[in-house]
Amino acid sequence: MGAVAALRGDRRFFADFSTRLDALHEQYQVCPRGADGYLGDTAEMPGDELVRRNVAIMRTIEEEEYVDRAAESLRAAGFDAWRNEVGHVAFTPTSK
């Protein structure tokens, strides 16, 4: 099983994360989820505004400890995973 499949398979983590990410996308009007379940397009806006909104979403995800929770989920699935020095989830590719 790959890392994405492991995260999606963690029903507790993934349901919470998905709900929160969808709420943030709606709040910042970036890639809203459509009725088909897929993320939609972003309305036309200047590139710097799109970057600002995405950075705000990423900061919120980090502040609300979803990065740490994702690393914990991956460790529970057998990956050597951690939050790296720039705040992203990292794992040793050969650890699973």
C-alpha atoms as a PDB file:
ATOM      1  CA  MET A   1       0.000   0.000   0.000  1.00  0.00           C
ATOM      2  CA  GLY A   2       1.297   3.468  -0.864  1.00  0.00           C
ATOM      3  CA  ALA A   3       1.314   6.509   1.393  1.00  0.00           C
ATOM      4  CA  VAL A   4      -1.765   8.135  -0.153  1.00  0.00           C
ATOM      5  CA  ALA A   5      -3.726   4.906   0.115  1.00  0.00           C
ATOM      6  CA  ALA A   6      -2.643   4.570   3.746  1.00  0.00           C
ATOM      7  CA  LEU A   7      -3.863   8.096   4.547  1.00  0.00           C
ATOM      8  CA  ARG A   8      -7.153   7.568   2.723  1.00  0.00           C
ATOM      9  CA  GLY A   9      -7.577   4.258   4.507  1.00  0.00           C
ATOM     10  CA  ASP A  10      -7.314   5.920   7.914  1.00  0.00           C
ATOM     11  CA  ARG A  11     -11.009   6.737   8.110  1.00  0.00           C
ATOM     12  CA  ARG A  12     -10.745   8.811  11.261  1.00  0.00           C
ATOM     13  CA  PHE A  13      -7.926  11.036   9.999  1.00  0.00           C
ATOM     14  CA  PHE A  14      -9.014  11.275   6.384  1.00  0.00           C
ATOM     15  CA  ALA A  15     -12.672  12.084   7.055  1.00  0.00           C
ATOM     16  CA  ASP A  16     -11.692  14.889   9.441  1.00  0.00           C
ATOM     17  CA  PHE A  17      -8.977  16.216   7.125  1.00  0.00           C
ATOM     18  CA  SER A  18     -11.222  16.138   4.052  1.00  0.00           C
ATOM     19  CA  THR A  19     -14.048  17.937   5.828  1.00  0.00           C
ATOM     20  CA  ARG A  20     -11.703  20.652   7.079  1.00  0.00           C
ATOM     21  CA  LEU A  21      -9.951  21.060   3.730  1.00  0.00           C
ATOM     22  CA  ASP A  22     -13.293  21.376   1.943  1.00  0.00           C
ATOM     23  CA  ALA A  23     -14.373  24.052   4.451  1.00  0.00           C
ATOM     24  CA  LEU A  24     -11.143  25.972   3.867  1.00  0.00           C
ATOM     25  CA  HIS A  25     -11.529  25.713   0.105  1.00  0.00           C
ATOM     26  CA  GLU A  26     -15.032  27.088   0.438  1.00  0.00           C
ATOM     27  CA  GLN A  27     -13.921  29.863   2.800  1.00  0.00           C
ATOM     28  CA  TYR A  28     -11.131  31.000   0.473  1.00  0.00           C
ATOM     29  CA  GLN A  29     -13.098  30.251  -2.712  1.00  0.00           C
ATOM     30  CA  VAL A  30     -10.403  27.974  -4.099  1.00  0.00           C
ATOM     31  CA  CYS A  31     -11.212  24.682  -5.865  1.00  0.00           C
ATOM     32  CA  PRO A  32     -14.623  23.991  -4.285  1.00  0.00           C
ATOM     33  CA  ARG A  33     -15.697  20.347  -4.274  1.00  0.00           C
ATOM     34  CA  GLY A  34     -18.371  19.614  -6.837  1.00  0.00           C
ATOM     35  CA  ALA A  35     -21.371  17.331  -6.547  1.00  0.00           C
ATOM     36  CA  ASP A  36     -19.311  14.668  -8.352  1.00  0.00           C
ATOM     37  CA  GLY A  37     -16.845  14.617  -5.440  1.00  0.00           C
ATOM     38  CA  TYR A  38     -13.968  16.164  -7.374  1.00  0.00           C
ATOM     39  CA  LEU A  39     -12.325  19.488  -6.616  1.00  0.00           C
ATOM     40  CA  GLY A  40     -13.488  22.173  -9.013  1.00  0.00           C
ATOM     41  CA  ASP A  41     -11.808  25.026 -10.794  1.00  0.00           C
ATOM     42  CA  THR A  42     -10.717  28.258  -9.182  1.00  0.00           C
ATOM     43  CA  ALA A  43     -12.361  31.480 -10.272  1.00  0.00           C
ATOM     44  CA  GLU A  44     -10.226  33.858 -12.313  1.00  0.00           C
ATOM     45  CA  MET A  45      -7.998  35.912 -10.046  1.00  0.00           C
ATOM     46  CA  PRO A  46      -4.502  37.374 -10.118  1.00  0.00           C
ATOM     47  CA  GLY A  47      -1.778  34.826  -9.442  1.00  0.00           C
ATOM     48  CA  ASP A  48      -0.583  36.575  -6.302  1.00  0.00           C
ATOM     49  CA  GLU A  49      -4.095  36.399  -4.832  1.00  0.00           C
ATOM     50  CA  LEU A  50      -4.329  32.680  -5.578  1.00  0.00           C
ATOM     51  CA  VAL A  51      -0.962  32.141  -3.887  1.00  0.00           C
ATOM     52  CA  ARG A  52      -2.071  34.187  -0.849  1.00  0.00           C
ATOM     53  CA  ARG A  53      -5.212  32.081  -0.459  1.00  0.00           C
ATOM     54  CA  ASN A  54      -3.350  28.799  -0.844  1.00  0.00           C
ATOM     55  CA  VAL A  55      -0.729  29.853   1.694  1.00  0.00           C
ATOM     56  CA  ALA A  56      -3.521  30.734   4.143  1.00  0.00           C
ATOM     57  CA  ILE A  57      -5.022  27.266   3.674  1.00  0.00           C
ATOM     58  CA  MET A  58      -1.642  25.591   4.148  1.00  0.00           C
ATOM     59  CA  ARG A  59      -0.922  27.606   7.299  1.00  0.00           C
ATOM     60  CA  THR A  60      -4.268  26.650   8.782  1.00  0.00           C
ATOM     61  CA  ILE A  61      -3.658  22.971   8.024  1.00  0.00           C
ATOM     62  CA  GLU A  62      -0.267  23.218   9.735  1.00  0.00           C
ATOM     63  CA  GLU A  63      -1.568  25.201  12.732  1.00  0.00           C
ATOM     64  CA  GLU A  64      -4.398  22.729  13.276  1.00  0.00           C
ATOM     65  CA  GLU A  65      -1.835  19.892  13.418  1.00  0.00           C
ATOM     66  CA  TYR A  66      -3.014  17.975  10.367  1.00  0.00           C
ATOM     67  CA  VAL A  67       0.612  17.565   9.256  1.00  0.00           C
ATOM     68  CA  ASP A  68       1.506  15.879  12.544  1.00  0.00           C
ATOM     69  CA  ARG A  69      -1.634  13.754  12.396  1.00  0.00           C
ATOM     70  CA  ALA A  70      -0.827  12.662   8.842  1.00  0.00           C
ATOM     71  CA  ALA A  71       2.671  11.636   9.910  1.00  0.00           C
ATOM     72  CA  GLU A  72       1.192   9.696  12.850  1.00  0.00           C
ATOM     73  CA  SER A  73      -1.244   7.968  10.496  1.00  0.00           C
ATOM     74  CA  LEU A  74       1.577   6.963   8.174  1.00  0.00           C
ATOM     75  CA  ARG A  75       3.653   5.640  11.077  1.00  0.00           C
ATOM     76  CA  ALA A  76       0.687   3.545  12.202  1.00  0.00           C
ATOM     77  CA  ALA A  77       0.583   2.109   8.668  1.00  0.00           C
ATOM     78  CA  GLY A  78       4.260   1.147   8.874  1.00  0.00           C
ATOM     79  CA  PHE A  79       5.979   4.133   7.282  1.00  0.00           C
ATOM     80  CA  ASP A  80       8.982   5.907   8.775  1.00  0.00           C
ATOM     81  CA  ALA A  81       7.210   9.308   8.656  1.00  0.00           C
ATOM     82  CA  TRP A  82       7.738  12.696  10.296  1.00  0.00           C
ATOM     83  CA  ARG A  83       7.096  16.427   9.944  1.00  0.00           C
ATOM     84  CA  ASN A  84      10.187  17.821   8.221  1.00  0.00           C
ATOM     85  CA  GLU A  85      11.986  21.099   8.846  1.00  0.00           C
ATOM     86  CA  VAL A  86       9.747  23.050   6.442  1.00  0.00           C
ATOM     87  CA  GLY A  87       6.556  21.690   7.998  1.00  0.00           C
ATOM     88  CA  HIS A  88       5.656  19.060   5.408  1.00  0.00           C
ATOM     89  CA  VAL A  89       4.997  15.367   5.867  1.00  0.00           C
ATOM     90  CA  ALA A  90       8.056  13.348   4.906  1.00  0.00           C
ATOM     91  CA  PHE A  91       8.751   9.638   4.917  1.00  0.00           C
ATOM     92  CA  THR A  92      11.471   7.244   3.911  1.00  0.00           C
ATOM     93  CA  PRO A  93      10.278   5.811   0.569  1.00  0.00           C
ATOM     94  CA  THR A  94      11.650   2.366   1.357  1.00  0.00           C
ATOM     95  CA  SER A  95      10.109   2.241   4.837  1.00  0.00           C
ATOM     96  CA  LYS A  96       6.908   0.460   3.831  1.00  0.00           C
END
